[in-house]
C-alpha atoms as a PDB file:
ATOM      1  CA  MET A   1      72.697 -19.136 -91.228  1.00  0.00           C
ATOM      2  CA  ALA A   2      72.250 -16.908 -88.249  1.00  0.00           C
ATOM      3  CA  GLY A   3      71.722 -18.615 -84.818  1.00  0.00           C
ATOM      4  CA  PRO A   4      68.795 -17.892 -82.414  1.00  0.00           C
ATOM      5  CA  THR A   5      68.629 -14.548 -80.832  1.00  0.00           C
ATOM      6  CA  THR A   6      69.114 -13.983 -77.138  1.00  0.00           C
ATOM      7  CA  ALA A   7      65.329 -13.557 -76.568  1.00  0.00           C
ATOM      8  CA  GLU A   8      64.587 -16.827 -78.357  1.00  0.00           C
ATOM      9  CA  ARG A   9      67.152 -18.717 -76.258  1.00  0.00           C
ATOM     10  CA  GLY A  10      65.637 -17.300 -73.032  1.00  0.00           C
ATOM     11  CA  ALA A  11      62.104 -18.333 -74.017  1.00  0.00           C
ATOM     12  CA  LYS A  12      63.280 -21.853 -74.898  1.00  0.00           C
ATOM     13  CA  GLY A  13      65.073 -22.227 -71.583  1.00  0.00           C
ATOM     14  CA  ALA A  14      61.992 -21.181 -69.648  1.00  0.00           C
ATOM     15  CA  ALA A  15      59.811 -23.622 -71.608  1.00  0.00           C
ATOM     16  CA  GLY A  16      62.143 -26.527 -70.899  1.00  0.00           C
ATOM     17  CA  ALA A  17      62.308 -26.041 -67.187  1.00  0.00           C
ATOM     18  CA  SER A  18      60.819 -28.832 -64.998  1.00  0.00           C
ATOM     19  CA  PRO A  19      57.268 -28.033 -63.952  1.00  0.00           C
ATOM     20  CA  GLY A  20      57.871 -28.971 -60.302  1.00  0.00           C
ATOM     21  CA  ARG A  21      61.018 -26.911 -59.855  1.00  0.00           C
ATOM     22  CA  PRO A  22      60.944 -23.221 -59.056  1.00  0.00           C
ATOM     23  CA  ALA A  23      62.609 -20.854 -61.353  1.00  0.00           C
ATOM     24  CA  ALA A  24      66.220 -20.173 -60.549  1.00  0.00           C
ATOM     25  CA  GLY A  25      66.815 -17.393 -58.115  1.00  0.00           C
ATOM     26  CA  ARG A  26      63.328 -17.524 -56.544  1.00  0.00           C
ATOM     27  CA  GLY A  27      62.724 -18.851 -53.040  1.00  0.00           C
ATOM     28  CA  PRO A  28      59.408 -20.087 -51.533  1.00  0.00           C
ATOM     29  CA  GLU A  29      56.687 -17.469 -51.314  1.00  0.00           C
ATOM     30  CA  ARG A  30      56.587 -15.742 -47.926  1.00  0.00           C
ATOM     31  CA  ASP A  31      52.873 -15.238 -47.114  1.00  0.00           C
ATOM     32  CA  GLY A  32      53.287 -15.151 -43.388  1.00  0.00           C
ATOM     33  CA  GLY A  33      52.599 -18.906 -43.029  1.00  0.00           C
ATOM     34  CA  ALA A  34      55.914 -19.453 -41.292  1.00  0.00           C
ATOM     35  CA  SER A  35      54.719 -17.268 -38.377  1.00  0.00           C
ATOM     36  CA  ARG A  36      51.489 -19.240 -37.852  1.00  0.00           C
ATOM     37  CA  LEU A  37      51.117 -22.229 -35.487  1.00  0.00           C
ATOM     38  CA  PRO A  38      50.306 -25.545 -37.152  1.00  0.00           C
ATOM     39  CA  VAL A  39      46.652 -26.607 -36.850  1.00  0.00           C
ATOM     40  CA  ARG A  40      47.053 -29.210 -34.092  1.00  0.00           C
ATOM     41  CA  PRO A  41      49.113 -27.090 -31.671  1.00  0.00           C
ATOM     42  CA  ARG A  42      46.688 -24.201 -32.211  1.00  0.00           C
ATOM     43  CA  VAL A  43      43.658 -26.382 -31.280  1.00  0.00           C
ATOM     44  CA  LEU A  44      45.535 -27.667 -28.249  1.00  0.00           C
ATOM     45  CA  PHE A  45      46.331 -24.138 -27.164  1.00  0.00           C
ATOM     46  CA  LEU A  46      42.690 -23.033 -27.506  1.00  0.00           C
ATOM     47  CA  GLY A  47      41.526 -26.093 -25.579  1.00  0.00           C
ATOM     48  CA  LEU A  48      43.924 -25.389 -22.719  1.00  0.00           C
ATOM     49  CA  ALA A  49      42.787 -21.762 -22.625  1.00  0.00           C
ATOM     50  CA  ALA A  50      39.117 -22.795 -22.433  1.00  0.00           C
ATOM     51  CA  LEU A  51      39.910 -25.314 -19.693  1.00  0.00           C
ATOM     52  CA  ALA A  52      41.755 -22.668 -17.722  1.00  0.00           C
ATOM     53  CA  LEU A  53      38.782 -20.313 -18.073  1.00  0.00           C
ATOM     54  CA  VAL A  54      36.333 -22.960 -16.846  1.00  0.00           C
ATOM     55  CA  CYS A  55      38.559 -23.832 -13.906  1.00  0.00           C
ATOM     56  CA  GLY A  56      38.831 -20.148 -13.044  1.00  0.00           C
ATOM     57  CA  VAL A  57      35.066 -19.705 -13.059  1.00  0.00           C
ATOM     58  CA  VAL A  58      34.531 -22.827 -10.932  1.00  0.00           C
ATOM     59  CA  TRP A  59      37.121 -21.659  -8.434  1.00  0.00           C
ATOM     60  CA  LEU A  60      35.548 -18.181  -8.334  1.00  0.00           C
ATOM     61  CA  LEU A  61      32.071 -19.619  -7.644  1.00  0.00           C
ATOM     62  CA  TYR A  62      32.975 -22.378  -5.212  1.00  0.00           C
ATOM     63  CA  GLY A  63      36.521 -21.927  -3.971  1.00  0.00           C
ATOM     64  CA  SER A  64      37.044 -18.217  -3.519  1.00  0.00           C
ATOM     65  CA  SER A  65      35.943 -16.178  -0.522  1.00  0.00           C
ATOM     66  CA  TRP A  66      34.334 -13.468  -2.665  1.00  0.00           C
ATOM     67  CA  LEU A  67      31.005 -15.089  -3.643  1.00  0.00           C
ATOM     68  CA  ARG A  68      29.854 -16.540  -0.316  1.00  0.00           C
ATOM     69  CA  VAL A  69      26.637 -15.992   1.634  1.00  0.00           C
ATOM     70  CA  GLU A  70      27.048 -13.110   4.072  1.00  0.00           C
ATOM     71  CA  ARG A  71      23.488 -11.773   4.486  1.00  0.00           C
ATOM     72  CA  VAL A  72      19.871 -12.987   4.291  1.00  0.00           C
ATOM     73  CA  SER A  73      17.093 -10.463   3.607  1.00  0.00           C
ATOM     74  CA  VAL A  74      13.357 -11.081   4.137  1.00  0.00           C
ATOM     75  CA  SER A  75      10.496  -9.162   2.483  1.00  0.00           C
ATOM     76  CA  GLY A  76       6.700  -9.418   2.347  1.00  0.00           C
ATOM     77  CA  THR A  77       5.994 -10.514   5.929  1.00  0.00           C
ATOM     78  CA  ARG A  78       2.912  -9.110   7.692  1.00  0.00           C
ATOM     79  CA  VAL A  79       2.253 -11.357  10.690  1.00  0.00           C
ATOM     80  CA  LEU A  80       5.381 -13.484  10.652  1.00  0.00           C
ATOM     81  CA  THR A  81       8.612 -11.847  11.810  1.00  0.00           C
ATOM     82  CA  GLN A  82      11.735 -11.748   9.710  1.00  0.00           C
ATOM     83  CA  ALA A  83      13.557 -13.606  12.470  1.00  0.00           C
ATOM     84  CA  GLN A  84      11.050 -16.487  12.248  1.00  0.00           C
ATOM     85  CA  VAL A  85      11.507 -16.775   8.516  1.00  0.00           C
ATOM     86  CA  ARG A  86      15.309 -16.668   8.732  1.00  0.00           C
ATOM     87  CA  ALA A  87      15.384 -19.312  11.456  1.00  0.00           C
ATOM     88  CA  VAL A  88      13.279 -21.770   9.457  1.00  0.00           C
ATOM     89  CA  ALA A  89      15.053 -21.033   6.172  1.00  0.00           C
ATOM     90  CA  ALA A  90      18.411 -21.972   7.758  1.00  0.00           C
ATOM     91  CA  VAL A  91      20.425 -20.445   4.936  1.00  0.00           C
ATOM     92  CA  PRO A  92      24.043 -21.648   5.349  1.00  0.00           C
ATOM     93  CA  LEU A  93      26.061 -18.494   5.993  1.00  0.00           C
ATOM     94  CA  GLY A  94      29.572 -18.679   4.605  1.00  0.00           C
ATOM     95  CA  ALA A  95      28.654 -21.252   1.974  1.00  0.00           C
ATOM     96  CA  PRO A  96      29.325 -20.554  -1.720  1.00  0.00           C
ATOM     97  CA  LEU A  97      26.364 -18.601  -3.054  1.00  0.00           C
ATOM     98  CA  ALA A  98      26.149 -20.827  -6.131  1.00  0.00           C
ATOM     99  CA  SER A  99      25.804 -23.979  -4.025  1.00  0.00           C
ATOM    100  CA  VAL A 100      22.770 -22.851  -1.977  1.00  0.00           C
ATOM    101  CA  ASP A 101      19.802 -25.185  -2.588  1.00  0.00           C
ATOM    102  CA  THR A 102      17.009 -22.642  -3.073  1.00  0.00           C
ATOM    103  CA  ASP A 103      14.329 -25.297  -3.700  1.00  0.00           C
ATOM    104  CA  ALA A 104      15.086 -26.987  -0.373  1.00  0.00           C
ATOM    105  CA  ILE A 105      14.789 -23.655   1.450  1.00  0.00           C
ATOM    106  CA  GLU A 106      11.408 -22.928  -0.156  1.00  0.00           C
ATOM    107  CA  THR A 107      10.141 -26.392   0.820  1.00  0.00           C
ATOM    108  CA  ARG A 108      11.245 -25.947   4.438  1.00  0.00           C
ATOM    109  CA  LEU A 109       9.527 -22.595   4.750  1.00  0.00           C
ATOM    110  CA  VAL A 110       6.180 -23.685   3.283  1.00  0.00           C
ATOM    111  CA  ARG A 111       6.073 -26.857   5.383  1.00  0.00           C
ATOM    112  CA  ALA A 112       7.102 -25.294   8.678  1.00  0.00           C
ATOM    113  CA  LEU A 113       5.176 -22.023   8.340  1.00  0.00           C
ATOM    114  CA  PRO A 114       1.645 -22.714   6.973  1.00  0.00           C
ATOM    115  CA  ARG A 115       0.941 -18.979   7.039  1.00  0.00           C
ATOM    116  CA  ILE A 116       3.225 -18.675   4.015  1.00  0.00           C
ATOM    117  CA  ASP A 117       1.293 -19.025   0.759  1.00  0.00           C
ATOM    118  CA  THR A 118       4.304 -18.769  -1.553  1.00  0.00           C
ATOM    119  CA  VAL A 119       7.966 -17.896  -1.146  1.00  0.00           C
ATOM    120  CA  GLU A 120      10.732 -17.275  -3.645  1.00  0.00           C
ATOM    121  CA  VAL A 121      14.383 -17.701  -2.700  1.00  0.00           C
ATOM    122  CA  VAL A 122      16.658 -15.607  -4.909  1.00  0.00           C
ATOM    123  CA  ARG A 123      20.415 -15.195  -5.083  1.00  0.00           C
ATOM    124  CA  SER A 124      21.490 -11.586  -4.688  1.00  0.00           C
ATOM    125  CA  TRP A 125      25.025 -11.468  -6.075  1.00  0.00           C
ATOM    126  CA  PRO A 126      27.705 -11.209  -4.888  1.00  0.00           C
ATOM    127  CA  ASN A 127      26.911 -12.380  -1.344  1.00  0.00           C
ATOM    128  CA  GLY A 128      23.196 -12.259  -0.471  1.00  0.00           C
ATOM    129  CA  ILE A 129      20.093 -14.467  -0.344  1.00  0.00           C
ATOM    130  CA  GLY A 130      16.634 -12.901  -0.575  1.00  0.00           C
ATOM    131  CA  LEU A 131      13.485 -14.529   0.828  1.00  0.00           C
ATOM    132  CA  GLU A 132      10.407 -13.013  -0.854  1.00  0.00           C
ATOM    133  CA  VAL A 133       7.361 -14.108   1.160  1.00  0.00           C
ATOM    134  CA  ILE A 134       3.645 -13.868   0.375  1.00  0.00           C
ATOM    135  CA  GLU A 135       1.487 -14.670   3.395  1.00  0.00           C
ATOM    136  CA  ARG A 136      -2.008 -16.095   3.253  1.00  0.00           C
ATOM    137  CA  LYS A 137      -4.860 -13.675   3.937  1.00  0.00           C
ATOM    138  CA  PRO A 138      -7.879 -14.755   5.990  1.00  0.00           C
ATOM    139  CA  VAL A 139     -11.226 -14.645   4.231  1.00  0.00           C
ATOM    140  CA  LEU A 140     -13.127 -16.119   7.183  1.00  0.00           C
ATOM    141  CA  ILE A 141     -12.340 -17.054  10.772  1.00  0.00           C
ATOM    142  CA  ALA A 142     -13.883 -19.924  12.707  1.00  0.00           C
ATOM    143  CA  ARG A 143     -14.134 -20.258  16.477  1.00  0.00           C
ATOM    144  CA  GLN A 144     -12.340 -23.237  17.959  1.00  0.00           C
ATOM    145  CA  GLY A 145     -12.591 -23.359  21.712  1.00  0.00           C
ATOM    146  CA  GLY A 146     -11.466 -19.986  22.960  1.00  0.00           C
ATOM    147  CA  LYS A 147      -9.375 -19.288  19.866  1.00  0.00           C
ATOM    148  CA  TYR A 148      -9.888 -18.551  16.181  1.00  0.00           C
ATOM    149  CA  VAL A 149      -8.830 -20.458  13.075  1.00  0.00           C
ATOM    150  CA  GLU A 150      -7.965 -18.409   9.999  1.00  0.00           C
ATOM    151  CA  VAL A 151      -9.214 -19.669   6.627  1.00  0.00           C
ATOM    152  CA  ASP A 152      -7.893 -18.324   3.311  1.00  0.00           C
ATOM    153  CA  ALA A 153      -9.571 -18.025  -0.105  1.00  0.00           C
ATOM    154  CA  SER A 154      -8.649 -21.608  -1.017  1.00  0.00           C
ATOM    155  CA  GLY A 155     -10.390 -22.945   2.090  1.00  0.00           C
ATOM    156  CA  THR A 156      -7.100 -23.783   3.814  1.00  0.00           C
ATOM    157  CA  ARG A 157      -7.118 -23.513   7.600  1.00  0.00           C
ATOM    158  CA  TYR A 158      -3.603 -22.324   8.173  1.00  0.00           C
ATOM    159  CA  ALA A 159      -3.289 -20.628  11.580  1.00  0.00           C
ATOM    160  CA  THR A 160      -4.855 -20.510  15.042  1.00  0.00           C
ATOM    161  CA  VAL A 161      -4.803 -17.158  16.813  1.00  0.00           C
ATOM    162  CA  ASP A 162      -5.954 -15.908  20.209  1.00  0.00           C
ATOM    163  CA  LYS A 163      -7.666 -12.789  18.855  1.00  0.00           C
ATOM    164  CA  ALA A 164      -9.888 -12.489  15.810  1.00  0.00           C
ATOM    165  CA  PRO A 165      -8.319 -10.329  13.063  1.00  0.00           C
ATOM    166  CA  ALA A 166     -10.177  -7.060  12.570  1.00  0.00           C
ATOM    167  CA  GLY A 167     -12.545  -6.908   9.629  1.00  0.00           C
ATOM    168  CA  VAL A 168     -12.591 -10.663   8.928  1.00  0.00           C
ATOM    169  CA  PRO A 169     -16.096 -12.233   8.933  1.00  0.00           C
ATOM    170  CA  LEU A 170     -16.895 -15.041  11.344  1.00  0.00           C
ATOM    171  CA  LEU A 171     -17.868 -18.477  10.024  1.00  0.00           C
ATOM    172  CA  HIS A 172     -20.704 -20.200  11.913  1.00  0.00           C
ATOM    173  CA  LEU A 173     -20.979 -23.847  10.908  1.00  0.00           C
ATOM    174  CA  ALA A 174     -24.352 -24.733  12.414  1.00  0.00           C
ATOM    175  CA  ALA A 175     -25.141 -27.835  10.387  1.00  0.00           C
ATOM    176  CA  GLY A 176     -25.511 -29.969  13.509  1.00  0.00           C
ATOM    177  CA  ARG A 177     -26.657 -33.447  12.497  1.00  0.00           C
ATOM    178  CA  SER A 178     -28.122 -32.393   9.185  1.00  0.00           C
ATOM    179  CA  PRO A 179     -27.949 -34.811   6.227  1.00  0.00           C
ATOM    180  CA  SER A 180     -25.708 -32.251   4.458  1.00  0.00           C
ATOM    181  CA  LEU A 181     -23.096 -32.558   7.183  1.00  0.00           C
ATOM    182  CA  ARG A 182     -23.063 -36.337   6.907  1.00  0.00           C
ATOM    183  CA  ARG A 183     -22.970 -36.235   3.113  1.00  0.00           C
ATOM    184  CA  PHE A 184     -20.524 -33.424   2.449  1.00  0.00           C
ATOM    185  CA  GLY A 185     -18.623 -33.060   5.710  1.00  0.00           C
ATOM    186  CA  ALA A 186     -17.745 -29.906   7.625  1.00  0.00           C
ATOM    187  CA  ASP A 187     -14.751 -29.070   5.431  1.00  0.00           C
ATOM    188  CA  ARG A 188     -16.827 -29.137   2.231  1.00  0.00           C
ATOM    189  CA  LEU A 189     -19.487 -26.892   3.759  1.00  0.00           C
ATOM    190  CA  ALA A 190     -16.821 -24.477   5.021  1.00  0.00           C
ATOM    191  CA  THR A 191     -15.171 -24.418   1.591  1.00  0.00           C
ATOM    192  CA  GLY A 192     -18.506 -23.459   0.030  1.00  0.00           C
ATOM    193  CA  ALA A 193     -18.853 -20.566   2.475  1.00  0.00           C
ATOM    194  CA  VAL A 194     -15.325 -19.414   1.646  1.00  0.00           C
ATOM    195  CA  ALA A 195     -16.080 -19.465  -2.092  1.00  0.00           C
ATOM    196  CA  VAL A 196     -19.171 -17.316  -1.567  1.00  0.00           C
ATOM    197  CA  THR A 197     -17.300 -14.844   0.646  1.00  0.00           C
ATOM    198  CA  ALA A 198     -14.272 -14.553  -1.644  1.00  0.00           C
ATOM    199  CA  GLY A 199     -16.499 -13.797  -4.646  1.00  0.00           C
ATOM    200  CA  LEU A 200     -18.589 -11.042  -3.053  1.00  0.00           C
ATOM    201  CA  PRO A 201     -18.385  -7.541  -4.559  1.00  0.00           C
ATOM    202  CA  GLU A 202     -16.269  -5.203  -2.447  1.00  0.00           C
ATOM    203  CA  ARG A 203     -19.202  -3.025  -1.350  1.00  0.00           C
ATOM    204  CA  ILE A 204     -20.947  -6.077   0.133  1.00  0.00           C
ATOM    205  CA  GLY A 205     -17.778  -7.655   1.486  1.00  0.00           C
ATOM    206  CA  ARG A 206     -17.068  -4.520   3.527  1.00  0.00           C
ATOM    207  CA  ASP A 207     -20.398  -4.935   5.340  1.00  0.00           C
ATOM    208  CA  LEU A 208     -20.116  -8.680   5.891  1.00  0.00           C
ATOM    209  CA  GLU A 209     -19.856  -9.665   9.556  1.00  0.00           C
ATOM    210  CA  ALA A 210     -20.599 -13.382   9.526  1.00  0.00           C
ATOM    211  CA  VAL A 211     -21.526 -16.337   7.335  1.00  0.00           C
ATOM    212  CA  ARG A 212     -23.886 -18.917   8.829  1.00  0.00           C
ATOM    213  CA  VAL A 213     -24.057 -22.371   7.240  1.00  0.00           C
ATOM    214  CA  ARG A 214     -26.897 -24.708   8.245  1.00  0.00           C
ATOM    215  CA  SER A 215     -26.687 -27.100   5.309  1.00  0.00           C
ATOM    216  CA  TYR A 216     -25.357 -27.343   1.751  1.00  0.00           C
ATOM    217  CA  ASP A 217     -28.242 -25.264   0.383  1.00  0.00           C
ATOM    218  CA  SER A 218     -28.802 -23.011   3.402  1.00  0.00           C
ATOM    219  CA  LEU A 219     -26.163 -20.323   3.657  1.00  0.00           C
ATOM    220  CA  THR A 220     -26.936 -16.899   5.140  1.00  0.00           C
ATOM    221  CA  LEU A 221     -24.840 -13.719   5.107  1.00  0.00           C
ATOM    222  CA  GLU A 222     -25.068 -11.437   8.135  1.00  0.00           C
ATOM    223  CA  LEU A 223     -24.344  -7.795   7.285  1.00  0.00           C
ATOM    224  CA  THR A 224     -23.909  -4.656   9.347  1.00  0.00           C
ATOM    225  CA  GLY A 225     -27.049  -3.010  10.643  1.00  0.00           C
ATOM    226  CA  GLY A 226     -28.724  -6.344  11.388  1.00  0.00           C
ATOM    227  CA  ARG A 227     -29.355  -7.060   7.705  1.00  0.00           C
ATOM    228  CA  THR A 228     -29.340 -10.647   6.426  1.00  0.00           C
ATOM    229  CA  VAL A 229     -29.052 -12.241   2.995  1.00  0.00           C
ATOM    230  CA  PHE A 230     -30.341 -15.750   2.375  1.00  0.00           C
ATOM    231  CA  TRP A 231     -27.914 -17.066  -0.225  1.00  0.00           C
ATOM    232  CA  GLY A 232     -29.059 -20.656  -0.481  1.00  0.00           C
ATOM    233  CA  SER A 233     -26.413 -22.979  -1.942  1.00  0.00           C
ATOM    234  CA  GLY A 234     -22.982 -21.999  -3.190  1.00  0.00           C
ATOM    235  CA  ASP A 235     -24.098 -22.227  -6.831  1.00  0.00           C
ATOM    236  CA  GLU A 236     -24.571 -19.296  -9.243  1.00  0.00           C
ATOM    237  CA  ASN A 237     -22.594 -16.973  -6.990  1.00  0.00           C
ATOM    238  CA  GLU A 238     -21.982 -14.305  -9.629  1.00  0.00           C
ATOM    239  CA  ALA A 239     -25.663 -14.131 -10.585  1.00  0.00           C
ATOM    240  CA  LYS A 240     -26.662 -13.943  -6.920  1.00  0.00           C
ATOM    241  CA  ALA A 241     -24.180 -11.122  -6.265  1.00  0.00           C
ATOM    242  CA  ARG A 242     -25.599  -9.110  -9.181  1.00  0.00           C
ATOM    243  CA  ALA A 243     -29.147  -9.749  -7.985  1.00  0.00           C
ATOM    244  CA  LEU A 244     -28.253  -8.628  -4.448  1.00  0.00           C
ATOM    245  CA  ILE A 245     -26.730  -5.344  -5.626  1.00  0.00           C
ATOM    246  CA  ALA A 246     -29.793  -4.583  -7.744  1.00  0.00           C
ATOM    247  CA  LEU A 247     -32.094  -5.526  -4.872  1.00  0.00           C
ATOM    248  CA  MET A 248     -30.271  -3.258  -2.404  1.00  0.00           C
ATOM    249  CA  LYS A 249     -30.635  -0.339  -4.800  1.00  0.00           C
ATOM    250  CA  ALA A 250     -34.326  -1.024  -5.308  1.00  0.00           C
ATOM    251  CA  ALA A 251     -35.075  -1.564  -1.592  1.00  0.00           C
ATOM    252  CA  PRO A 252     -32.414   0.344   0.375  1.00  0.00           C
ATOM    253  CA  LYS A 253     -34.348   0.126   3.662  1.00  0.00           C
ATOM    254  CA  ALA A 254     -34.940  -3.609   3.512  1.00  0.00           C
ATOM    255  CA  GLY A 255     -33.542  -5.740   6.318  1.00  0.00           C
ATOM    256  CA  HIS A 256     -33.712  -9.148   4.678  1.00  0.00           C
ATOM    257  CA  PHE A 257     -32.796 -10.196   1.139  1.00  0.00           C
ATOM    258  CA  ASP A 258     -33.316 -13.529  -0.568  1.00  0.00           C
ATOM    259  CA  VAL A 259     -31.194 -14.279  -3.635  1.00  0.00           C
ATOM    260  CA  SER A 260     -31.324 -18.079  -3.432  1.00  0.00           C
ATOM    261  CA  ALA A 261     -33.140 -17.930  -6.787  1.00  0.00           C
ATOM    262  CA  PRO A 262     -31.237 -15.089  -8.541  1.00  0.00           C
ATOM    263  CA  SER A 263     -33.832 -14.814 -11.311  1.00  0.00           C
ATOM    264  CA  ALA A 264     -36.526 -14.032  -8.722  1.00  0.00           C
ATOM    265  CA  PRO A 265     -34.882 -12.208  -5.787  1.00  0.00           C
ATOM    266  CA  ALA A 266     -36.946 -10.818  -2.939  1.00  0.00           C
ATOM    267  CA  ALA A 267     -36.563  -8.237  -0.163  1.00  0.00           C
ATOM    268  CA  SER A 268     -38.459  -7.512   3.031  1.00  0.00           C
ATOM    269  CA  ARG A 269     -38.090  -5.283   6.054  1.00  0.00           C
ATOM    270  CA  SER A 270     -37.543  -8.147   8.477  1.00  0.00           C
END
């Protein structure tokens, strides 16, 4: 009987080989794995690289001489000088730009210079600090002795000056010993006058020379040309402004206007 053929013997040998042993003559597959770092050393390497990057950034911001304060710029001043603002700000020249406490600088400026309404301290990379100032604007001025006190739209008395600013109406607080003065106080009456003045239409505001306050409900506007407007209290200001404009159109030669009751305004020549 004929024995198995060569092909049959080869197939039998392959079938009998151990499943865990590679076929003879074949080495482990080379998929590039031998050139890769193991997982743990690779994570360690990435961690060290990140740490080095962080340290480099920290050194650049705080340790190097490149990003340090070399100049301080000031913008937005009208009455204050840039030198005044810089002196109060006291920005530390030569300090790392990243370490400058901008909030502390803003607080110093607002407290020491009441004329400043708001200020923003900004870093101007690589080596500058910018102080962006907005000054208060006077809505009214009040006499105090031989000087003048400026009052802004919020009613804040923020500066005393020797000369009255041009174009700013004068506040006359003539309440004397009136019950309104005892009840509301001078500051409350002045704040009411400021609210009326700040809300006037531009065409009326341009002609306003003075605001006279005798009591809470007795406020009079003094305009150019000797004209007067009895405003009454500081209530219904928008309605009173509309009534005044309509009244001026209807009676352009009138010298006295009464809008204390905006639904029934009146005008007369004196």
